[in-house]
Amino acid sequence: MSDSVVLDPVDLEILRLLQNDARITYRDLAAQVGVAASTCLDRVNRLRRAGVILGHVLRLDPGKLGRGLQALLSVQVRPHRRELVGPFVERIRSLPEALTVFHLTGPDDYLVHVAVRDMADLQRLVLDAFTAHREVARVETRLIFQQWDCGPLLPPDARAASGTLTANHGGAAP
């Protein structure tokens, strides 16, 4: 089975529009791409089944929820063995402070983006949720002063979205 999906210009335009406004109605989406609403719905469902569309996300402001301090934790796990990877990642993903977990190459095995109340909360998290576990050899903490979101995956300009693209969807979705 192939990990890629062939996307035609209509698929690309649907993805571009949804990416920039996931709350658009199917009727408006269909009108903007020039297909019937039922055709548009069928295409969106096909893109979901194929794993191109991974879901819809509601983004929250951690600061407004009392978690104004964000940090990146570089974590080294020893021994770095397959049987530790799954349980480690699931334990970290279950932490309410964890926003994102990356499995890396290089000297650090994981990069964890966290949001906490304050420095004392960050210290508690590092000591209790990370270094208290035998497999965690090292944690390096970097505070985030400011964060900017980057542009969408597909260009916002409809002319730039024309053509055919092959999308790889073999990676694991969070």
N, C-alpha and C. Protein backbone atom coordinates (compact mmCIF):
# COMPACT_ATOMS: atom_id res chain seq x y z
N MET A 1 0.84 -1.19 0.00
CA MET A 1 0.00 0.00 0.00
C MET A 1 0.88 1.25 0.00
N SER A 2 0.55 2.21 -0.82
CA SER A 2 1.32 3.43 -0.96
C SER A 2 1.00 4.41 0.17
N ASP A 3 2.01 5.20 0.55
CA ASP A 3 1.83 6.21 1.58
C ASP A 3 1.44 7.56 1.01
N SER A 4 1.30 7.67 -0.31
CA SER A 4 0.98 8.96 -0.87
C SER A 4 -0.37 8.98 -1.55
N VAL A 5 -0.89 10.18 -1.65
CA VAL A 5 -2.19 10.42 -2.26
C VAL A 5 -1.99 11.46 -3.34
N VAL A 6 -2.53 11.21 -4.51
CA VAL A 6 -2.45 12.19 -5.58
C VAL A 6 -3.55 13.22 -5.37
N LEU A 7 -3.14 14.48 -5.34
CA LEU A 7 -4.07 15.58 -5.13
C LEU A 7 -4.16 16.41 -6.40
N ASP A 8 -5.38 16.59 -6.90
CA ASP A 8 -5.54 17.42 -8.08
C ASP A 8 -5.77 18.87 -7.64
N PRO A 9 -5.89 19.81 -8.61
CA PRO A 9 -6.06 21.22 -8.24
C PRO A 9 -7.30 21.49 -7.37
N VAL A 10 -8.38 20.76 -7.56
CA VAL A 10 -9.58 20.96 -6.73
C VAL A 10 -9.29 20.53 -5.30
N ASP A 11 -8.64 19.38 -5.12
CA ASP A 11 -8.26 18.92 -3.78
C ASP A 11 -7.37 19.96 -3.10
N LEU A 12 -6.39 20.46 -3.82
CA LEU A 12 -5.47 21.44 -3.25
C LEU A 12 -6.21 22.72 -2.84
N GLU A 13 -7.15 23.13 -3.65
CA GLU A 13 -7.91 24.35 -3.32
C GLU A 13 -8.80 24.11 -2.11
N ILE A 14 -9.41 22.93 -2.02
CA ILE A 14 -10.22 22.58 -0.84
C ILE A 14 -9.34 22.61 0.40
N LEU A 15 -8.17 22.00 0.33
CA LEU A 15 -7.26 21.98 1.48
C LEU A 15 -6.80 23.37 1.86
N ARG A 16 -6.47 24.18 0.85
CA ARG A 16 -6.02 25.55 1.12
C ARG A 16 -7.10 26.34 1.83
N LEU A 17 -8.34 26.24 1.35
CA LEU A 17 -9.44 26.98 1.95
C LEU A 17 -9.75 26.48 3.37
N LEU A 18 -9.79 25.17 3.55
CA LEU A 18 -10.05 24.62 4.89
C LEU A 18 -8.94 24.96 5.87
N GLN A 19 -7.72 24.94 5.39
CA GLN A 19 -6.58 25.25 6.24
C GLN A 19 -6.64 26.69 6.74
N ASN A 20 -7.15 27.57 5.94
CA ASN A 20 -7.23 28.97 6.32
C ASN A 20 -8.53 29.32 7.03
N ASP A 21 -9.56 28.45 6.92
CA ASP A 21 -10.82 28.65 7.63
C ASP A 21 -11.52 27.30 7.75
N ALA A 22 -11.21 26.58 8.81
CA ALA A 22 -11.78 25.23 8.99
C ALA A 22 -13.27 25.26 9.29
N ARG A 23 -13.82 26.45 9.55
CA ARG A 23 -15.25 26.56 9.88
C ARG A 23 -16.11 26.91 8.66
N ILE A 24 -15.50 26.97 7.49
CA ILE A 24 -16.25 27.30 6.28
C ILE A 24 -17.30 26.20 6.03
N THR A 25 -18.47 26.60 5.56
CA THR A 25 -19.52 25.60 5.29
C THR A 25 -19.18 24.86 4.00
N TYR A 26 -19.71 23.64 3.87
CA TYR A 26 -19.46 22.87 2.64
C TYR A 26 -20.07 23.59 1.44
N ARG A 27 -21.18 24.26 1.62
CA ARG A 27 -21.80 25.00 0.52
C ARG A 27 -20.87 26.11 0.03
N ASP A 28 -20.31 26.89 0.98
CA ASP A 28 -19.39 27.96 0.60
C ASP A 28 -18.09 27.41 0.03
N LEU A 29 -17.61 26.33 0.61
CA LEU A 29 -16.39 25.69 0.12
C LEU A 29 -16.59 25.22 -1.32
N ALA A 30 -17.72 24.55 -1.57
CA ALA A 30 -18.03 24.04 -2.91
C ALA A 30 -18.13 25.18 -3.92
N ALA A 31 -18.77 26.27 -3.51
CA ALA A 31 -18.92 27.41 -4.41
C ALA A 31 -17.56 28.01 -4.77
N GLN A 32 -16.68 28.08 -3.79
CA GLN A 32 -15.36 28.68 -4.04
C GLN A 32 -14.47 27.81 -4.91
N VAL A 33 -14.64 26.48 -4.85
CA VAL A 33 -13.80 25.61 -5.69
C VAL A 33 -14.50 25.23 -6.98
N GLY A 34 -15.78 25.58 -7.12
CA GLY A 34 -16.49 25.34 -8.37
C GLY A 34 -16.99 23.92 -8.56
N VAL A 35 -17.40 23.27 -7.49
CA VAL A 35 -17.99 21.93 -7.60
C VAL A 35 -19.29 21.91 -6.81
N ALA A 36 -20.08 20.85 -7.01
CA ALA A 36 -21.32 20.69 -6.25
C ALA A 36 -20.99 20.42 -4.78
N ALA A 37 -21.89 20.79 -3.89
CA ALA A 37 -21.67 20.58 -2.46
C ALA A 37 -21.45 19.10 -2.14
N SER A 38 -22.23 18.21 -2.80
CA SER A 38 -22.06 16.77 -2.55
C SER A 38 -20.68 16.29 -3.01
N THR A 39 -20.20 16.82 -4.13
CA THR A 39 -18.87 16.47 -4.62
C THR A 39 -17.81 16.95 -3.65
N CYS A 40 -17.99 18.15 -3.14
CA CYS A 40 -17.05 18.73 -2.19
C CYS A 40 -17.00 17.88 -0.92
N LEU A 41 -18.17 17.51 -0.40
CA LEU A 41 -18.23 16.66 0.79
C LEU A 41 -17.54 15.32 0.55
N ASP A 42 -17.78 14.72 -0.61
CA ASP A 42 -17.13 13.45 -0.96
C ASP A 42 -15.61 13.60 -0.98
N ARG A 43 -15.14 14.69 -1.56
CA ARG A 43 -13.69 14.92 -1.64
C ARG A 43 -13.09 15.12 -0.25
N VAL A 44 -13.74 15.90 0.59
CA VAL A 44 -13.24 16.13 1.95
C VAL A 44 -13.21 14.81 2.72
N ASN A 45 -14.25 14.01 2.60
CA ASN A 45 -14.28 12.72 3.28
C ASN A 45 -13.17 11.80 2.78
N ARG A 46 -12.91 11.82 1.45
CA ARG A 46 -11.83 11.02 0.89
C ARG A 46 -10.48 11.48 1.44
N LEU A 47 -10.30 12.79 1.56
CA LEU A 47 -9.05 13.34 2.09
C LEU A 47 -8.87 12.97 3.57
N ARG A 48 -9.97 12.90 4.31
CA ARG A 48 -9.90 12.46 5.72
C ARG A 48 -9.52 10.98 5.79
N ARG A 49 -10.21 10.15 5.01
CA ARG A 49 -9.92 8.70 5.02
C ARG A 49 -8.47 8.42 4.61
N ALA A 50 -7.95 9.20 3.69
CA ALA A 50 -6.59 9.01 3.20
C ALA A 50 -5.55 9.55 4.19
N GLY A 51 -5.99 10.24 5.22
CA GLY A 51 -5.06 10.76 6.22
C GLY A 51 -4.42 12.09 5.86
N VAL A 52 -4.91 12.73 4.79
CA VAL A 52 -4.38 14.04 4.42
C VAL A 52 -4.91 15.09 5.40
N ILE A 53 -6.19 15.03 5.71
CA ILE A 53 -6.79 15.89 6.74
C ILE A 53 -6.76 15.10 8.04
N LEU A 54 -6.06 15.64 9.02
CA LEU A 54 -5.87 14.92 10.28
C LEU A 54 -6.91 15.28 11.34
N GLY A 55 -7.66 16.34 11.14
CA GLY A 55 -8.66 16.72 12.13
C GLY A 55 -8.81 18.22 12.17
N HIS A 56 -9.60 18.66 13.11
CA HIS A 56 -9.82 20.09 13.33
C HIS A 56 -9.36 20.39 14.75
N VAL A 57 -8.68 21.51 14.92
CA VAL A 57 -8.07 21.82 16.21
C VAL A 57 -8.59 23.15 16.71
N LEU A 58 -8.96 23.17 17.98
CA LEU A 58 -9.29 24.40 18.66
C LEU A 58 -8.05 24.82 19.43
N ARG A 59 -7.50 25.98 19.13
CA ARG A 59 -6.28 26.44 19.79
C ARG A 59 -6.65 27.31 20.97
N LEU A 60 -5.98 27.08 22.08
CA LEU A 60 -6.21 27.83 23.30
C LEU A 60 -4.98 28.64 23.64
N ASP A 61 -5.16 29.75 24.34
CA ASP A 61 -4.06 30.57 24.81
C ASP A 61 -3.67 30.09 26.20
N PRO A 62 -2.51 29.42 26.34
CA PRO A 62 -2.12 28.90 27.66
C PRO A 62 -2.05 29.98 28.73
N GLY A 63 -1.61 31.17 28.36
CA GLY A 63 -1.50 32.27 29.33
C GLY A 63 -2.85 32.66 29.92
N LYS A 64 -3.88 32.64 29.09
CA LYS A 64 -5.22 33.00 29.57
C LYS A 64 -5.81 31.90 30.44
N LEU A 65 -5.21 30.72 30.41
CA LEU A 65 -5.65 29.59 31.22
C LEU A 65 -4.75 29.38 32.44
N GLY A 66 -3.95 30.39 32.77
CA GLY A 66 -3.10 30.32 33.95
C GLY A 66 -1.78 29.62 33.73
N ARG A 67 -1.41 29.38 32.48
CA ARG A 67 -0.13 28.72 32.18
C ARG A 67 0.71 29.65 31.30
N GLY A 68 1.15 30.74 31.89
CA GLY A 68 1.84 31.78 31.14
C GLY A 68 3.31 31.53 30.87
N LEU A 69 3.89 30.50 31.45
CA LEU A 69 5.30 30.20 31.22
C LEU A 69 5.39 28.96 30.33
N GLN A 70 6.07 29.12 29.19
CA GLN A 70 6.27 27.98 28.29
C GLN A 70 7.76 27.69 28.18
N ALA A 71 8.07 26.42 27.98
CA ALA A 71 9.46 26.01 27.88
C ALA A 71 9.59 24.84 26.92
N LEU A 72 10.80 24.65 26.42
CA LEU A 72 11.16 23.48 25.62
C LEU A 72 12.11 22.65 26.46
N LEU A 73 11.77 21.39 26.65
CA LEU A 73 12.60 20.48 27.43
C LEU A 73 13.27 19.50 26.49
N SER A 74 14.60 19.55 26.44
CA SER A 74 15.37 18.56 25.67
C SER A 74 15.65 17.41 26.62
N VAL A 75 15.22 16.22 26.22
CA VAL A 75 15.30 15.06 27.11
C VAL A 75 16.16 13.97 26.47
N GLN A 76 17.10 13.46 27.26
CA GLN A 76 17.91 12.33 26.82
C GLN A 76 17.49 11.12 27.65
N VAL A 77 17.15 10.04 26.95
CA VAL A 77 16.70 8.80 27.61
C VAL A 77 17.79 7.75 27.45
N ARG A 78 18.13 7.06 28.53
CA ARG A 78 19.13 6.00 28.49
C ARG A 78 18.65 4.82 29.29
N PRO A 79 18.65 3.64 28.77
CA PRO A 79 19.02 3.34 27.39
C PRO A 79 17.89 3.73 26.45
N HIS A 80 18.27 4.15 25.27
CA HIS A 80 17.28 4.56 24.28
C HIS A 80 16.90 3.32 23.47
N ARG A 81 15.95 2.57 24.01
CA ARG A 81 15.53 1.32 23.37
C ARG A 81 14.06 1.40 22.99
N ARG A 82 13.71 0.63 21.98
CA ARG A 82 12.36 0.62 21.43
C ARG A 82 11.30 0.39 22.50
N GLU A 83 11.53 -0.53 23.43
CA GLU A 83 10.51 -0.84 24.42
C GLU A 83 10.27 0.30 25.41
N LEU A 84 11.17 1.28 25.46
CA LEU A 84 10.98 2.45 26.33
C LEU A 84 10.28 3.60 25.60
N VAL A 85 10.41 3.64 24.28
CA VAL A 85 9.90 4.77 23.51
C VAL A 85 8.39 4.94 23.68
N GLY A 86 7.62 3.89 23.41
CA GLY A 86 6.16 3.99 23.49
C GLY A 86 5.66 4.40 24.86
N PRO A 87 6.06 3.71 25.93
CA PRO A 87 5.61 4.10 27.27
C PRO A 87 6.05 5.50 27.67
N PHE A 88 7.29 5.89 27.30
CA PHE A 88 7.77 7.23 27.63
C PHE A 88 6.91 8.28 26.95
N VAL A 89 6.69 8.12 25.66
CA VAL A 89 5.90 9.10 24.91
C VAL A 89 4.48 9.18 25.45
N GLU A 90 3.85 8.04 25.73
CA GLU A 90 2.48 8.06 26.25
C GLU A 90 2.41 8.71 27.63
N ARG A 91 3.42 8.49 28.46
CA ARG A 91 3.44 9.12 29.77
C ARG A 91 3.55 10.65 29.63
N ILE A 92 4.42 11.10 28.73
CA ILE A 92 4.59 12.54 28.52
C ILE A 92 3.32 13.12 27.90
N ARG A 93 2.73 12.44 26.94
CA ARG A 93 1.51 12.94 26.29
C ARG A 93 0.35 13.06 27.28
N SER A 94 0.37 12.27 28.34
CA SER A 94 -0.71 12.31 29.32
C SER A 94 -0.56 13.48 30.30
N LEU A 95 0.58 14.15 30.28
CA LEU A 95 0.78 15.28 31.18
C LEU A 95 -0.05 16.47 30.70
N PRO A 96 -0.83 17.10 31.58
CA PRO A 96 -1.62 18.25 31.14
C PRO A 96 -0.75 19.43 30.70
N GLU A 97 0.49 19.48 31.15
CA GLU A 97 1.38 20.59 30.78
C GLU A 97 2.00 20.41 29.40
N ALA A 98 2.03 19.19 28.89
CA ALA A 98 2.71 18.91 27.62
C ALA A 98 1.84 19.36 26.44
N LEU A 99 2.43 20.14 25.56
CA LEU A 99 1.73 20.62 24.37
C LEU A 99 2.11 19.81 23.14
N THR A 100 3.41 19.48 23.02
CA THR A 100 3.91 18.75 21.86
C THR A 100 5.12 17.93 22.28
N VAL A 101 5.26 16.74 21.69
CA VAL A 101 6.43 15.90 21.93
C VAL A 101 7.02 15.53 20.58
N PHE A 102 8.32 15.72 20.45
CA PHE A 102 9.04 15.35 19.24
C PHE A 102 10.07 14.29 19.59
N HIS A 103 10.18 13.25 18.77
CA HIS A 103 11.24 12.24 18.89
C HIS A 103 12.31 12.67 17.89
N LEU A 104 13.55 12.84 18.36
CA LEU A 104 14.60 13.47 17.58
C LEU A 104 15.76 12.55 17.27
N THR A 105 16.59 13.00 16.33
CA THR A 105 17.93 12.43 16.15
C THR A 105 18.89 13.37 16.87
N GLY A 106 20.12 12.94 17.03
CA GLY A 106 21.12 13.80 17.67
C GLY A 106 21.29 13.46 19.14
N PRO A 107 21.94 14.35 19.89
CA PRO A 107 22.25 14.06 21.29
C PRO A 107 21.02 13.98 22.19
N ASP A 108 19.96 14.69 21.84
CA ASP A 108 18.73 14.63 22.62
C ASP A 108 17.74 13.71 21.92
N ASP A 109 17.01 12.96 22.71
CA ASP A 109 16.06 12.00 22.15
C ASP A 109 14.68 12.59 21.95
N TYR A 110 14.31 13.55 22.80
CA TYR A 110 12.97 14.14 22.75
C TYR A 110 13.06 15.64 22.98
N LEU A 111 12.13 16.34 22.38
CA LEU A 111 11.92 17.76 22.65
C LEU A 111 10.46 17.88 23.05
N VAL A 112 10.22 18.42 24.23
CA VAL A 112 8.86 18.52 24.77
C VAL A 112 8.53 19.99 25.01
N HIS A 113 7.46 20.45 24.39
CA HIS A 113 6.97 21.82 24.58
C HIS A 113 5.94 21.77 25.69
N VAL A 114 6.18 22.55 26.76
CA VAL A 114 5.28 22.53 27.91
C VAL A 114 4.81 23.94 28.23
N ALA A 115 3.65 24.02 28.89
CA ALA A 115 3.11 25.28 29.40
C ALA A 115 2.76 25.07 30.87
N VAL A 116 3.32 25.92 31.73
CA VAL A 116 3.13 25.79 33.17
C VAL A 116 2.75 27.14 33.77
N ARG A 117 2.36 27.11 35.06
CA ARG A 117 1.97 28.36 35.75
C ARG A 117 3.15 29.29 35.95
N ASP A 118 4.24 28.76 36.49
CA ASP A 118 5.37 29.60 36.89
C ASP A 118 6.62 28.74 37.01
N MET A 119 7.71 29.36 37.48
CA MET A 119 8.99 28.63 37.60
C MET A 119 8.88 27.46 38.58
N ALA A 120 8.18 27.65 39.67
CA ALA A 120 8.03 26.56 40.65
C ALA A 120 7.29 25.39 40.02
N ASP A 121 6.29 25.68 39.21
CA ASP A 121 5.54 24.62 38.52
C ASP A 121 6.43 23.91 37.50
N LEU A 122 7.28 24.67 36.80
CA LEU A 122 8.21 24.08 35.85
C LEU A 122 9.22 23.18 36.57
N GLN A 123 9.72 23.65 37.70
CA GLN A 123 10.67 22.84 38.47
C GLN A 123 10.01 21.55 38.94
N ARG A 124 8.79 21.64 39.43
CA ARG A 124 8.05 20.45 39.87
C ARG A 124 7.88 19.47 38.71
N LEU A 125 7.50 20.00 37.54
CA LEU A 125 7.30 19.15 36.37
C LEU A 125 8.59 18.42 35.98
N VAL A 126 9.69 19.16 35.90
CA VAL A 126 10.96 18.55 35.50
C VAL A 126 11.38 17.48 36.51
N LEU A 127 11.26 17.79 37.80
CA LEU A 127 11.71 16.84 38.82
C LEU A 127 10.77 15.63 38.96
N ASP A 128 9.48 15.86 38.93
CA ASP A 128 8.53 14.77 39.17
C ASP A 128 8.18 13.97 37.92
N ALA A 129 8.03 14.64 36.79
CA ALA A 129 7.56 13.93 35.59
C ALA A 129 8.70 13.47 34.68
N PHE A 130 9.89 14.01 34.89
CA PHE A 130 11.00 13.64 34.01
C PHE A 130 12.14 12.98 34.78
N THR A 131 12.89 13.77 35.55
CA THR A 131 14.11 13.23 36.15
C THR A 131 13.85 12.20 37.24
N ALA A 132 12.64 12.09 37.73
CA ALA A 132 12.32 11.05 38.72
C ALA A 132 12.28 9.66 38.09
N HIS A 133 12.28 9.58 36.78
CA HIS A 133 12.22 8.30 36.09
C HIS A 133 13.64 7.85 35.70
N ARG A 134 13.96 6.60 35.99
CA ARG A 134 15.32 6.08 35.80
C ARG A 134 15.83 6.22 34.37
N GLU A 135 14.94 6.09 33.39
CA GLU A 135 15.41 6.13 32.00
C GLU A 135 15.79 7.53 31.53
N VAL A 136 15.40 8.56 32.26
CA VAL A 136 15.73 9.93 31.87
C VAL A 136 17.12 10.27 32.39
N ALA A 137 18.06 10.38 31.45
CA ALA A 137 19.46 10.66 31.81
C ALA A 137 19.72 12.15 31.99
N ARG A 138 18.99 12.99 31.21
CA ARG A 138 19.28 14.43 31.25
C ARG A 138 18.07 15.19 30.72
N VAL A 139 17.82 16.35 31.34
CA VAL A 139 16.80 17.27 30.85
C VAL A 139 17.44 18.66 30.80
N GLU A 140 17.31 19.29 29.65
CA GLU A 140 17.79 20.66 29.50
C GLU A 140 16.57 21.53 29.20
N THR A 141 16.45 22.63 29.93
CA THR A 141 15.26 23.47 29.84
C THR A 141 15.60 24.79 29.17
N ARG A 142 14.75 25.17 28.22
CA ARG A 142 14.86 26.47 27.56
C ARG A 142 13.52 27.18 27.68
N LEU A 143 13.54 28.37 28.26
CA LEU A 143 12.30 29.15 28.40
C LEU A 143 11.96 29.80 27.06
N ILE A 144 10.69 29.91 26.78
CA ILE A 144 10.22 30.55 25.56
C ILE A 144 9.79 31.97 25.92
N PHE A 145 10.46 32.95 25.34
CA PHE A 145 10.09 34.34 25.58
C PHE A 145 8.86 34.73 24.76
N GLN A 146 8.87 34.34 23.49
CA GLN A 146 7.78 34.71 22.59
C GLN A 146 7.68 33.65 21.51
N GLN A 147 6.48 33.50 20.95
CA GLN A 147 6.24 32.47 19.94
C GLN A 147 5.43 33.09 18.81
N TRP A 148 5.77 32.71 17.58
CA TRP A 148 5.03 33.15 16.41
C TRP A 148 4.58 31.93 15.63
N ASP A 149 3.35 31.94 15.17
CA ASP A 149 2.90 30.89 14.28
C ASP A 149 3.39 31.20 12.89
N CYS A 150 3.70 30.16 12.15
CA CYS A 150 4.16 30.34 10.77
C CYS A 150 2.99 30.12 9.83
N GLY A 151 3.24 30.39 8.58
CA GLY A 151 2.19 30.31 7.59
C GLY A 151 1.63 28.92 7.40
N PRO A 152 0.54 28.84 6.69
CA PRO A 152 -0.09 27.54 6.43
C PRO A 152 0.79 26.69 5.51
N LEU A 153 0.55 25.39 5.54
CA LEU A 153 1.31 24.46 4.72
C LEU A 153 1.12 24.75 3.23
N LEU A 154 -0.12 24.99 2.83
CA LEU A 154 -0.40 25.33 1.44
C LEU A 154 -0.44 26.84 1.30
N PRO A 155 -0.02 27.37 0.16
CA PRO A 155 -0.03 28.82 -0.01
C PRO A 155 -1.45 29.38 0.02
N PRO A 156 -1.61 30.58 0.60
CA PRO A 156 -2.95 31.18 0.65
C PRO A 156 -3.44 31.66 -0.71
N ASP A 157 -2.57 31.80 -1.68
CA ASP A 157 -2.92 32.27 -3.01
C ASP A 157 -3.40 31.10 -3.87
N ALA A 158 -4.59 31.21 -4.42
CA ALA A 158 -5.18 30.12 -5.21
C ALA A 158 -4.33 29.78 -6.44
N ARG A 159 -3.70 30.78 -7.04
CA ARG A 159 -2.88 30.52 -8.23
C ARG A 159 -1.69 29.64 -7.89
N ALA A 160 -1.12 29.81 -6.69
CA ALA A 160 0.03 29.01 -6.29
C ALA A 160 -0.37 27.58 -5.96
N ALA A 161 -1.66 27.34 -5.72
CA ALA A 161 -2.12 26.00 -5.36
C ALA A 161 -2.49 25.17 -6.57
N SER A 162 -2.37 25.73 -7.77
CA SER A 162 -2.76 24.95 -8.95
C SER A 162 -1.69 23.93 -9.28
N GLY A 163 -2.09 22.89 -9.96
CA GLY A 163 -1.18 21.81 -10.30
C GLY A 163 -1.53 20.56 -9.51
N THR A 164 -0.75 19.53 -9.69
CA THR A 164 -0.99 18.27 -8.99
C THR A 164 0.13 18.05 -7.99
N LEU A 165 -0.24 17.58 -6.83
CA LEU A 165 0.72 17.36 -5.76
C LEU A 165 0.51 15.96 -5.22
N THR A 166 1.60 15.33 -4.82
CA THR A 166 1.49 14.04 -4.13
C THR A 166 1.75 14.29 -2.66
N ALA A 167 0.79 13.93 -1.81
CA ALA A 167 0.93 14.15 -0.38
C ALA A 167 1.31 12.86 0.30
N ASN A 168 2.34 12.93 1.13
CA ASN A 168 2.76 11.77 1.93
C ASN A 168 2.01 11.82 3.25
N HIS A 169 1.34 10.76 3.60
CA HIS A 169 0.59 10.74 4.86
C HIS A 169 0.96 9.52 5.70
N GLY A 170 2.19 9.07 5.57
CA GLY A 170 2.60 7.87 6.30
C GLY A 170 3.00 8.11 7.73
N GLY A 171 3.19 9.38 8.14
CA GLY A 171 3.62 9.66 9.50
C GLY A 171 2.50 9.51 10.49
N ALA A 172 2.86 9.38 11.75
CA ALA A 172 1.87 9.26 12.82
C ALA A 172 1.30 10.62 13.15
N ALA A 173 0.01 10.68 13.31
CA ALA A 173 -0.66 11.92 13.69
C ALA A 173 -0.70 12.02 15.21
N PRO A 174 -0.55 13.26 15.75
CA PRO A 174 -0.64 13.40 17.19
C PRO A 174 -2.03 13.15 17.70
